């Protein structure tokens, strides 16, 4: 007897499952992969950020479990808006964005940026925003932090999605390629 050996990669198996599955299967797979991504180490810094937002919203101890849940839902939904925007852009561009980024001029430009940033990390020079812009951003951030509220939580969630982007980028890129 001959046994068939499956030489396809994990990515190929996932793609084949997505192509042949029903919409319910596809949604369940994306939900499951999203849950698995929530266990990556890059997501762990989000825990103190969200905890701080909940504690700050509580003020003088009047936080209820329902209010904490509401703040968490606003935070997570605003993160999903950031990923939704990325999905819409991927759908609009389709597969062309990958081809555009394979241009040698773009690859050389990105390599140059990485080399410049590496020299900065080695201490050859320091890259920072101008002091006037730093002061303005700091004062705006403090004012927004003092106001808090649902809008402040939503902004923090949206920005957190952008910060954690490099950690979830491979899986997100796979989903966006499937969408495109």
N, C-alpha and C. Protein backbone atom coordinates (compact mmCIF):
# COMPACT_ATOMS: atom_id res chain seq x y z
N UNK A 1 0.85 -1.19 0.00
CA UNK A 1 0.00 0.00 0.00
C UNK A 1 0.88 1.23 0.00
N UNK A 2 0.40 2.25 -0.64
CA UNK A 2 1.14 3.51 -0.67
C UNK A 2 0.36 4.54 0.13
N UNK A 3 1.06 5.18 1.02
CA UNK A 3 0.47 6.24 1.82
C UNK A 3 0.79 7.58 1.18
N UNK A 4 -0.22 8.41 1.07
CA UNK A 4 0.02 9.74 0.52
C UNK A 4 0.56 10.65 1.63
N UNK A 5 1.60 11.36 1.30
CA UNK A 5 2.17 12.31 2.24
C UNK A 5 1.75 13.70 1.78
N UNK A 6 1.21 14.49 2.72
CA UNK A 6 0.77 15.85 2.38
C UNK A 6 1.97 16.79 2.49
N UNK A 7 2.49 17.23 1.35
CA UNK A 7 3.65 18.11 1.33
C UNK A 7 3.28 19.59 1.33
N UNK A 8 2.00 19.90 1.39
CA UNK A 8 1.61 21.31 1.34
C UNK A 8 1.92 21.97 2.68
N UNK A 9 2.21 23.24 2.60
CA UNK A 9 2.55 24.00 3.80
C UNK A 9 1.29 24.32 4.59
N UNK A 10 1.50 24.83 5.79
CA UNK A 10 0.37 25.21 6.63
C UNK A 10 -0.46 26.31 5.97
N UNK A 11 0.25 27.25 5.34
CA UNK A 11 -0.46 28.34 4.67
C UNK A 11 -1.34 27.83 3.54
N UNK A 12 -0.82 26.84 2.78
CA UNK A 12 -1.60 26.26 1.68
C UNK A 12 -2.83 25.54 2.21
N UNK A 13 -2.67 24.85 3.34
CA UNK A 13 -3.80 24.15 3.93
C UNK A 13 -4.87 25.14 4.39
N UNK A 14 -4.44 26.26 4.98
CA UNK A 14 -5.39 27.28 5.43
C UNK A 14 -6.10 27.89 4.23
N UNK A 15 -5.35 28.20 3.18
CA UNK A 15 -5.96 28.79 1.98
C UNK A 15 -6.97 27.82 1.36
N UNK A 16 -6.61 26.54 1.28
CA UNK A 16 -7.54 25.56 0.72
C UNK A 16 -8.79 25.41 1.57
N UNK A 17 -8.63 25.48 2.89
CA UNK A 17 -9.79 25.40 3.77
C UNK A 17 -10.69 26.61 3.57
N UNK A 18 -10.09 27.77 3.37
CA UNK A 18 -10.89 28.98 3.16
C UNK A 18 -11.60 28.96 1.81
N UNK A 19 -10.92 28.44 0.79
CA UNK A 19 -11.52 28.39 -0.55
C UNK A 19 -12.70 27.43 -0.61
N UNK A 20 -12.58 26.30 0.08
CA UNK A 20 -13.61 25.28 -0.04
C UNK A 20 -14.70 25.40 1.03
N UNK A 21 -14.51 26.27 2.01
CA UNK A 21 -15.45 26.34 3.13
C UNK A 21 -16.63 27.25 2.87
N UNK A 22 -17.62 27.08 3.71
CA UNK A 22 -18.79 27.95 3.65
C UNK A 22 -18.48 29.24 4.38
N UNK A 23 -19.38 30.20 4.29
CA UNK A 23 -19.15 31.49 4.95
C UNK A 23 -19.06 31.32 6.46
N UNK A 24 -19.83 30.39 7.02
CA UNK A 24 -19.77 30.13 8.45
C UNK A 24 -18.43 29.57 8.87
N UNK A 25 -17.89 28.65 8.07
CA UNK A 25 -16.57 28.08 8.35
C UNK A 25 -15.50 29.15 8.27
N UNK A 26 -15.61 30.00 7.27
CA UNK A 26 -14.61 31.06 7.10
C UNK A 26 -14.65 32.02 8.28
N UNK A 27 -15.84 32.43 8.69
CA UNK A 27 -15.96 33.33 9.84
C UNK A 27 -15.43 32.68 11.12
N UNK A 28 -15.73 31.39 11.30
CA UNK A 28 -15.23 30.68 12.48
C UNK A 28 -13.70 30.60 12.46
N UNK A 29 -13.11 30.34 11.28
CA UNK A 29 -11.65 30.28 11.17
C UNK A 29 -11.02 31.63 11.48
N UNK A 30 -11.56 32.71 10.91
CA UNK A 30 -11.01 34.04 11.19
C UNK A 30 -11.15 34.39 12.66
N UNK A 31 -12.29 34.04 13.28
CA UNK A 31 -12.47 34.30 14.70
C UNK A 31 -11.46 33.51 15.52
N UNK A 32 -11.26 32.24 15.18
CA UNK A 32 -10.30 31.42 15.90
C UNK A 32 -8.88 31.92 15.75
N UNK A 33 -8.51 32.30 14.53
CA UNK A 33 -7.16 32.85 14.34
C UNK A 33 -6.99 34.16 15.09
N UNK A 34 -8.06 34.96 15.15
CA UNK A 34 -8.00 36.21 15.92
C UNK A 34 -7.79 35.95 17.40
N UNK A 35 -8.46 34.94 17.93
CA UNK A 35 -8.25 34.58 19.33
C UNK A 35 -6.81 34.11 19.57
N UNK A 36 -6.28 33.32 18.63
CA UNK A 36 -4.89 32.88 18.77
C UNK A 36 -3.92 34.06 18.71
N UNK A 37 -4.22 35.03 17.85
CA UNK A 37 -3.36 36.21 17.78
C UNK A 37 -3.39 37.02 19.07
N UNK A 38 -4.49 36.93 19.80
CA UNK A 38 -4.58 37.68 21.05
C UNK A 38 -3.66 37.11 22.12
N UNK A 39 -3.06 35.97 21.89
CA UNK A 39 -2.15 35.36 22.84
C UNK A 39 -0.68 35.61 22.50
N UNK A 40 -0.41 36.39 21.47
CA UNK A 40 0.98 36.69 21.11
C UNK A 40 1.57 37.68 22.11
N UNK A 41 2.88 37.65 22.32
CA UNK A 41 3.50 38.53 23.31
C UNK A 41 3.32 40.03 23.04
N UNK A 42 3.15 40.41 21.79
CA UNK A 42 2.99 41.84 21.49
C UNK A 42 1.66 42.39 21.98
N UNK A 43 0.71 41.53 22.24
CA UNK A 43 -0.60 41.97 22.70
C UNK A 43 -0.58 42.25 24.20
N UNK A 44 0.32 41.62 24.93
CA UNK A 44 0.34 41.77 26.38
C UNK A 44 0.48 43.22 26.86
N UNK A 45 1.21 44.10 26.17
CA UNK A 45 1.24 45.51 26.63
C UNK A 45 -0.14 46.19 26.57
N UNK A 46 -1.07 45.62 25.83
CA UNK A 46 -2.41 46.21 25.78
C UNK A 46 -3.16 46.04 27.10
N UNK A 47 -2.80 45.04 27.88
CA UNK A 47 -3.51 44.77 29.13
C UNK A 47 -3.37 45.95 30.10
N UNK A 48 -2.15 46.47 30.37
CA UNK A 48 -2.08 47.62 31.28
C UNK A 48 -2.70 48.89 30.68
N UNK A 49 -2.65 49.03 29.35
CA UNK A 49 -3.27 50.21 28.74
C UNK A 49 -4.78 50.18 28.98
N UNK A 50 -5.40 49.05 28.70
CA UNK A 50 -6.85 48.93 28.90
C UNK A 50 -7.20 49.01 30.38
N UNK A 51 -6.38 48.39 31.24
CA UNK A 51 -6.63 48.47 32.68
C UNK A 51 -6.56 49.91 33.17
N UNK A 52 -5.57 50.64 32.66
CA UNK A 52 -5.44 52.05 33.04
C UNK A 52 -6.63 52.88 32.59
N UNK A 53 -7.13 52.59 31.39
CA UNK A 53 -8.31 53.31 30.90
C UNK A 53 -9.53 53.01 31.76
N UNK A 54 -9.68 51.77 32.16
CA UNK A 54 -10.83 51.40 32.99
C UNK A 54 -10.72 52.05 34.37
N UNK A 55 -9.53 52.02 34.96
CA UNK A 55 -9.34 52.62 36.28
C UNK A 55 -9.56 54.13 36.21
N UNK A 56 -9.03 54.76 35.17
CA UNK A 56 -9.18 56.21 35.03
C UNK A 56 -10.65 56.58 34.83
N UNK A 57 -11.38 55.76 34.07
CA UNK A 57 -12.80 56.04 33.87
C UNK A 57 -13.59 55.86 35.16
N UNK A 58 -13.07 55.02 36.05
CA UNK A 58 -13.75 54.79 37.32
C UNK A 58 -13.70 55.99 38.23
N UNK A 59 -12.69 56.82 38.06
CA UNK A 59 -12.58 58.03 38.87
C UNK A 59 -12.44 57.72 40.34
N UNK A 60 -13.49 58.03 41.09
CA UNK A 60 -13.42 57.91 42.55
C UNK A 60 -14.04 56.60 43.04
N UNK A 61 -13.89 55.55 42.28
CA UNK A 61 -14.35 54.26 42.74
C UNK A 61 -15.75 53.89 42.30
N UNK A 62 -16.32 54.65 41.37
CA UNK A 62 -17.68 54.35 40.94
C UNK A 62 -17.71 53.49 39.69
N UNK A 63 -16.69 52.67 39.50
CA UNK A 63 -16.65 51.78 38.33
C UNK A 63 -17.47 50.53 38.64
N UNK A 64 -18.30 50.20 37.71
CA UNK A 64 -19.10 48.97 37.83
C UNK A 64 -18.61 47.98 36.79
N UNK A 65 -18.90 46.71 36.97
CA UNK A 65 -18.49 45.74 35.95
C UNK A 65 -19.08 46.07 34.58
N UNK A 66 -20.29 46.58 34.55
CA UNK A 66 -20.92 46.92 33.27
C UNK A 66 -20.18 48.07 32.58
N UNK A 67 -19.76 49.06 33.38
CA UNK A 67 -19.02 50.20 32.81
C UNK A 67 -17.64 49.75 32.31
N UNK A 68 -17.00 48.85 33.05
CA UNK A 68 -15.72 48.30 32.60
C UNK A 68 -15.86 47.51 31.32
N UNK A 69 -16.93 46.74 31.23
CA UNK A 69 -17.19 45.99 30.00
C UNK A 69 -17.44 46.94 28.84
N UNK A 70 -18.19 47.99 29.08
CA UNK A 70 -18.47 48.97 28.01
C UNK A 70 -17.19 49.61 27.51
N UNK A 71 -16.31 50.01 28.41
CA UNK A 71 -15.04 50.63 28.02
C UNK A 71 -14.20 49.63 27.23
N UNK A 72 -14.18 48.37 27.66
CA UNK A 72 -13.43 47.34 26.95
C UNK A 72 -13.97 47.12 25.55
N UNK A 73 -15.29 47.11 25.42
CA UNK A 73 -15.91 46.91 24.11
C UNK A 73 -15.58 48.07 23.18
N UNK A 74 -15.64 49.30 23.70
CA UNK A 74 -15.29 50.47 22.87
C UNK A 74 -13.84 50.38 22.42
N UNK A 75 -12.95 49.99 23.32
CA UNK A 75 -11.52 49.85 23.01
C UNK A 75 -11.31 48.81 21.91
N UNK A 76 -11.92 47.65 22.05
CA UNK A 76 -11.73 46.56 21.08
C UNK A 76 -12.38 46.91 19.75
N UNK A 77 -13.57 47.51 19.78
CA UNK A 77 -14.23 47.88 18.53
C UNK A 77 -13.44 48.95 17.77
N UNK A 78 -12.83 49.88 18.49
CA UNK A 78 -12.03 50.88 17.78
C UNK A 78 -10.76 50.26 17.20
N UNK A 79 -10.23 49.23 17.87
CA UNK A 79 -9.10 48.50 17.27
C UNK A 79 -9.56 47.80 16.00
N UNK A 80 -10.76 47.24 16.03
CA UNK A 80 -11.26 46.54 14.84
C UNK A 80 -11.53 47.50 13.70
N UNK A 81 -11.84 48.75 14.01
CA UNK A 81 -12.04 49.75 12.96
C UNK A 81 -10.72 49.98 12.21
N UNK A 82 -9.61 50.01 12.95
CA UNK A 82 -8.31 50.18 12.29
C UNK A 82 -8.03 49.03 11.34
N UNK A 83 -8.33 47.81 11.77
CA UNK A 83 -8.11 46.66 10.91
C UNK A 83 -9.12 46.61 9.77
N UNK A 84 -10.31 47.12 10.00
CA UNK A 84 -11.31 47.18 8.93
C UNK A 84 -10.87 48.14 7.84
N UNK A 85 -10.31 49.26 8.24
CA UNK A 85 -9.79 50.22 7.25
C UNK A 85 -8.68 49.58 6.43
N UNK A 86 -7.81 48.81 7.10
CA UNK A 86 -6.75 48.10 6.36
C UNK A 86 -7.36 47.10 5.39
N UNK A 87 -8.42 46.41 5.81
CA UNK A 87 -9.09 45.44 4.93
C UNK A 87 -9.74 46.10 3.73
N UNK A 88 -10.37 47.25 3.96
CA UNK A 88 -11.00 47.98 2.86
C UNK A 88 -9.95 48.44 1.86
N UNK A 89 -8.84 48.97 2.37
CA UNK A 89 -7.76 49.40 1.48
C UNK A 89 -7.18 48.23 0.70
N UNK A 90 -7.04 47.08 1.37
CA UNK A 90 -6.53 45.89 0.66
C UNK A 90 -7.52 45.45 -0.41
N UNK A 91 -8.80 45.54 -0.12
CA UNK A 91 -9.81 45.18 -1.11
C UNK A 91 -9.80 46.12 -2.30
N UNK A 92 -9.55 47.40 -2.03
CA UNK A 92 -9.52 48.37 -3.11
C UNK A 92 -8.29 48.19 -4.00
N UNK A 93 -7.14 47.94 -3.35
CA UNK A 93 -5.91 47.79 -4.11
C UNK A 93 -5.79 46.40 -4.71
N UNK A 94 -6.40 45.41 -4.08
CA UNK A 94 -6.29 44.03 -4.56
C UNK A 94 -4.86 43.53 -4.44
N UNK A 95 -4.47 42.71 -5.37
CA UNK A 95 -3.12 42.13 -5.35
C UNK A 95 -2.08 43.11 -5.90
N UNK A 96 -2.52 44.24 -6.41
CA UNK A 96 -1.57 45.18 -7.03
C UNK A 96 -0.61 45.80 -6.03
N UNK A 97 -1.00 45.93 -4.78
CA UNK A 97 -0.12 46.57 -3.81
C UNK A 97 1.14 45.73 -3.59
N UNK A 98 1.01 44.42 -3.60
CA UNK A 98 2.18 43.56 -3.45
C UNK A 98 3.12 43.74 -4.63
N UNK A 99 2.57 43.82 -5.82
CA UNK A 99 3.41 44.01 -7.01
C UNK A 99 4.07 45.38 -6.98
N UNK A 100 3.36 46.39 -6.52
CA UNK A 100 3.94 47.74 -6.46
C UNK A 100 5.10 47.80 -5.47
N UNK A 101 5.00 47.07 -4.35
CA UNK A 101 6.04 47.10 -3.35
C UNK A 101 7.26 46.27 -3.73
N UNK A 102 7.17 45.48 -4.79
CA UNK A 102 8.31 44.69 -5.25
C UNK A 102 9.19 45.45 -6.24
N UNK A 103 8.87 46.69 -6.48
CA UNK A 103 9.67 47.54 -7.35
C UNK A 103 11.04 47.74 -6.71
N UNK A 104 12.15 47.57 -7.46
CA UNK A 104 13.49 47.72 -6.88
C UNK A 104 13.74 49.09 -6.25
N UNK A 105 13.17 50.15 -6.81
CA UNK A 105 13.36 51.48 -6.23
C UNK A 105 12.73 51.57 -4.84
N UNK A 106 11.58 50.98 -4.67
CA UNK A 106 10.92 51.01 -3.37
C UNK A 106 11.68 50.16 -2.36
N UNK A 107 12.18 49.00 -2.80
CA UNK A 107 12.95 48.14 -1.90
C UNK A 107 14.23 48.85 -1.46
N UNK A 108 14.92 49.51 -2.38
CA UNK A 108 16.14 50.24 -2.04
C UNK A 108 15.82 51.40 -1.09
N UNK A 109 14.70 52.09 -1.32
CA UNK A 109 14.31 53.20 -0.44
C UNK A 109 14.05 52.70 0.98
N UNK A 110 13.33 51.60 1.11
CA UNK A 110 13.06 51.05 2.44
C UNK A 110 14.36 50.57 3.10
N UNK A 111 15.24 49.96 2.32
CA UNK A 111 16.52 49.52 2.88
C UNK A 111 17.32 50.71 3.38
N UNK A 112 17.30 51.82 2.62
CA UNK A 112 17.99 53.03 3.06
C UNK A 112 17.42 53.58 4.36
N UNK A 113 16.11 53.54 4.49
CA UNK A 113 15.47 54.00 5.73
C UNK A 113 15.91 53.13 6.90
N UNK A 114 15.95 51.81 6.69
CA UNK A 114 16.36 50.92 7.76
C UNK A 114 17.81 51.15 8.16
N UNK A 115 18.68 51.40 7.19
CA UNK A 115 20.08 51.67 7.50
C UNK A 115 20.20 52.97 8.29
N UNK A 116 19.46 54.01 7.87
CA UNK A 116 19.49 55.28 8.59
C UNK A 116 18.99 55.11 10.02
N UNK A 117 17.93 54.35 10.20
CA UNK A 117 17.42 54.11 11.55
C UNK A 117 18.40 53.28 12.39
N UNK A 118 19.12 52.35 11.74
CA UNK A 118 20.11 51.54 12.46
C UNK A 118 21.25 52.42 12.96
N UNK A 119 21.72 53.35 12.13
CA UNK A 119 22.77 54.26 12.58
C UNK A 119 22.29 55.09 13.76
N UNK A 120 21.04 55.48 13.76
CA UNK A 120 20.48 56.23 14.88
C UNK A 120 20.46 55.36 16.14
N UNK A 121 20.11 54.09 15.98
CA UNK A 121 20.10 53.20 17.15
C UNK A 121 21.50 52.96 17.70
N UNK A 122 22.50 52.98 16.84
CA UNK A 122 23.88 52.80 17.29
C UNK A 122 24.46 54.07 17.90
N UNK A 123 23.70 55.16 17.89
CA UNK A 123 24.12 56.37 18.56
C UNK A 123 24.90 57.36 17.70
N UNK A 124 24.91 57.18 16.40
CA UNK A 124 25.64 58.12 15.55
C UNK A 124 24.94 59.47 15.50
N UNK A 125 23.64 59.48 15.61
CA UNK A 125 22.86 60.71 15.67
C UNK A 125 21.52 60.39 16.31
N UNK A 126 20.80 61.43 16.68
CA UNK A 126 19.52 61.24 17.35
C UNK A 126 18.41 61.80 16.48
N UNK A 127 17.37 61.01 16.31
CA UNK A 127 16.21 61.44 15.53
C UNK A 127 15.09 61.76 16.51
N UNK A 128 14.57 62.98 16.43
CA UNK A 128 13.44 63.34 17.27
C UNK A 128 12.65 64.46 16.63
N UNK A 129 11.40 64.58 17.06
CA UNK A 129 10.56 65.66 16.56
C UNK A 129 11.09 67.00 17.06
N UNK A 130 10.81 68.06 16.33
CA UNK A 130 11.18 69.38 16.85
C UNK A 130 10.51 69.65 18.20
N UNK A 131 11.20 70.41 19.06
CA UNK A 131 10.72 70.64 20.42
C UNK A 131 9.34 71.30 20.44
N UNK A 132 9.08 72.21 19.51
CA UNK A 132 7.76 72.87 19.49
C UNK A 132 6.65 71.87 19.21
N UNK A 133 6.90 70.93 18.30
CA UNK A 133 5.90 69.91 17.99
C UNK A 133 5.74 68.93 19.15
N UNK A 134 6.84 68.61 19.83
CA UNK A 134 6.77 67.74 21.00
C UNK A 134 5.91 68.37 22.09
N UNK A 135 6.10 69.66 22.33
CA UNK A 135 5.33 70.36 23.35
C UNK A 135 3.85 70.40 23.00
N UNK A 136 3.56 70.69 21.73
CA UNK A 136 2.16 70.75 21.29
C UNK A 136 1.49 69.39 21.43
N UNK A 137 2.16 68.32 20.99
CA UNK A 137 1.59 66.98 21.10
C UNK A 137 1.40 66.56 22.55
N UNK A 138 2.34 66.93 23.39
CA UNK A 138 2.24 66.59 24.81
C UNK A 138 1.06 67.28 25.47
N UNK A 139 0.86 68.55 25.15
CA UNK A 139 -0.26 69.28 25.76
C UNK A 139 -1.60 68.74 25.24
N UNK A 140 -1.68 68.44 23.95
CA UNK A 140 -2.92 67.86 23.39
C UNK A 140 -3.21 66.51 24.03
N UNK A 141 -2.16 65.69 24.20
CA UNK A 141 -2.33 64.37 24.79
C UNK A 141 -2.81 64.48 26.23
N UNK A 142 -2.24 65.42 26.98
CA UNK A 142 -2.66 65.61 28.37
C UNK A 142 -4.10 66.08 28.45
N UNK A 143 -4.51 66.98 27.55
CA UNK A 143 -5.88 67.46 27.54
C UNK A 143 -6.85 66.32 27.20
N UNK A 144 -6.50 65.51 26.21
CA UNK A 144 -7.36 64.39 25.82
C UNK A 144 -7.41 63.36 26.94
N UNK A 145 -6.29 63.13 27.61
CA UNK A 145 -6.27 62.18 28.71
C UNK A 145 -7.09 62.64 29.90
N UNK A 146 -7.10 63.96 30.14
CA UNK A 146 -7.90 64.49 31.24
C UNK A 146 -9.38 64.38 30.95
N UNK A 147 -9.76 64.56 29.69
CA UNK A 147 -11.17 64.46 29.32
C UNK A 147 -11.65 63.03 29.42
N UNK A 148 -10.84 62.08 28.95
CA UNK A 148 -11.23 60.68 28.98
C UNK A 148 -12.46 60.44 28.14
N UNK A 149 -13.37 59.66 28.66
CA UNK A 149 -14.62 59.43 27.97
C UNK A 149 -14.49 58.38 26.89
N UNK A 150 -15.62 58.15 26.24
CA UNK A 150 -15.70 57.11 25.21
C UNK A 150 -14.81 57.47 24.03
N UNK A 151 -14.81 58.73 23.63
CA UNK A 151 -14.00 59.13 22.47
C UNK A 151 -12.52 58.93 22.74
N UNK A 152 -12.06 59.26 23.94
CA UNK A 152 -10.65 59.05 24.30
C UNK A 152 -10.28 57.58 24.30
N UNK A 153 -11.18 56.74 24.80
CA UNK A 153 -10.94 55.29 24.80
C UNK A 153 -10.87 54.78 23.36
N UNK A 154 -11.76 55.28 22.50
CA UNK A 154 -11.77 54.86 21.11
C UNK A 154 -10.47 55.26 20.40
N UNK A 155 -9.99 56.46 20.66
CA UNK A 155 -8.72 56.90 20.06
C UNK A 155 -7.57 56.02 20.54
N UNK A 156 -7.56 55.70 21.83
CA UNK A 156 -6.50 54.84 22.37
C UNK A 156 -6.56 53.45 21.73
N UNK A 157 -7.75 52.92 21.52
CA UNK A 157 -7.89 51.61 20.88
C UNK A 157 -7.40 51.63 19.45
N UNK A 158 -7.76 52.68 18.71
CA UNK A 158 -7.33 52.81 17.32
C UNK A 158 -5.81 52.90 17.24
N UNK A 159 -5.22 53.74 18.09
CA UNK A 159 -3.76 53.89 18.08
C UNK A 159 -3.07 52.61 18.56
N UNK A 160 -3.67 51.91 19.50
CA UNK A 160 -3.08 50.65 19.97
C UNK A 160 -3.03 49.63 18.85
N UNK A 161 -4.04 49.62 18.00
CA UNK A 161 -4.03 48.69 16.86
C UNK A 161 -2.87 49.01 15.93
N UNK A 162 -2.59 50.28 15.76
CA UNK A 162 -1.47 50.66 14.90
C UNK A 162 -0.13 50.29 15.53
N UNK A 163 -0.06 50.41 16.85
CA UNK A 163 1.19 50.10 17.56
C UNK A 163 1.46 48.60 17.53
N UNK A 164 0.42 47.80 17.72
CA UNK A 164 0.59 46.35 17.78
C UNK A 164 0.63 45.74 16.37
N UNK A 165 0.44 46.55 15.36
CA UNK A 165 0.41 46.08 13.98
C UNK A 165 1.55 45.18 13.56
N UNK A 166 2.80 45.52 13.89
CA UNK A 166 3.90 44.65 13.45
C UNK A 166 3.81 43.23 14.00
N UNK A 167 3.18 43.05 15.14
CA UNK A 167 3.11 41.71 15.73
C UNK A 167 2.08 40.84 15.01
N UNK A 168 1.00 41.45 14.61
CA UNK A 168 -0.06 40.68 13.95
C UNK A 168 0.01 40.82 12.43
N UNK A 169 1.04 41.50 11.93
CA UNK A 169 1.13 41.78 10.50
C UNK A 169 1.14 40.52 9.62
N UNK A 170 1.88 39.46 9.95
CA UNK A 170 1.86 38.30 9.06
C UNK A 170 0.47 37.69 8.90
N UNK A 171 -0.22 37.49 10.01
CA UNK A 171 -1.56 36.92 9.92
C UNK A 171 -2.54 37.90 9.28
N UNK A 172 -2.39 39.17 9.61
CA UNK A 172 -3.26 40.18 9.00
C UNK A 172 -2.99 40.26 7.50
N UNK A 173 -1.74 40.15 7.10
CA UNK A 173 -1.43 40.18 5.66
C UNK A 173 -2.06 38.99 4.95
N UNK A 174 -2.04 37.83 5.57
CA UNK A 174 -2.69 36.66 4.98
C UNK A 174 -4.18 36.87 4.80
N UNK A 175 -4.82 37.44 5.81
CA UNK A 175 -6.27 37.71 5.71
C UNK A 175 -6.54 38.75 4.65
N UNK A 176 -5.70 39.77 4.58
CA UNK A 176 -5.92 40.83 3.60
C UNK A 176 -5.68 40.34 2.17
N UNK A 177 -4.71 39.43 2.00
CA UNK A 177 -4.49 38.86 0.67
C UNK A 177 -5.69 38.03 0.27
N UNK A 178 -6.26 37.29 1.22
CA UNK A 178 -7.45 36.51 0.93
C UNK A 178 -8.60 37.43 0.55
N UNK A 179 -8.74 38.55 1.27
CA UNK A 179 -9.80 39.51 0.94
C UNK A 179 -9.55 40.12 -0.43
N UNK A 180 -8.29 40.49 -0.70
CA UNK A 180 -7.95 41.11 -1.99
C UNK A 180 -8.12 40.16 -3.13
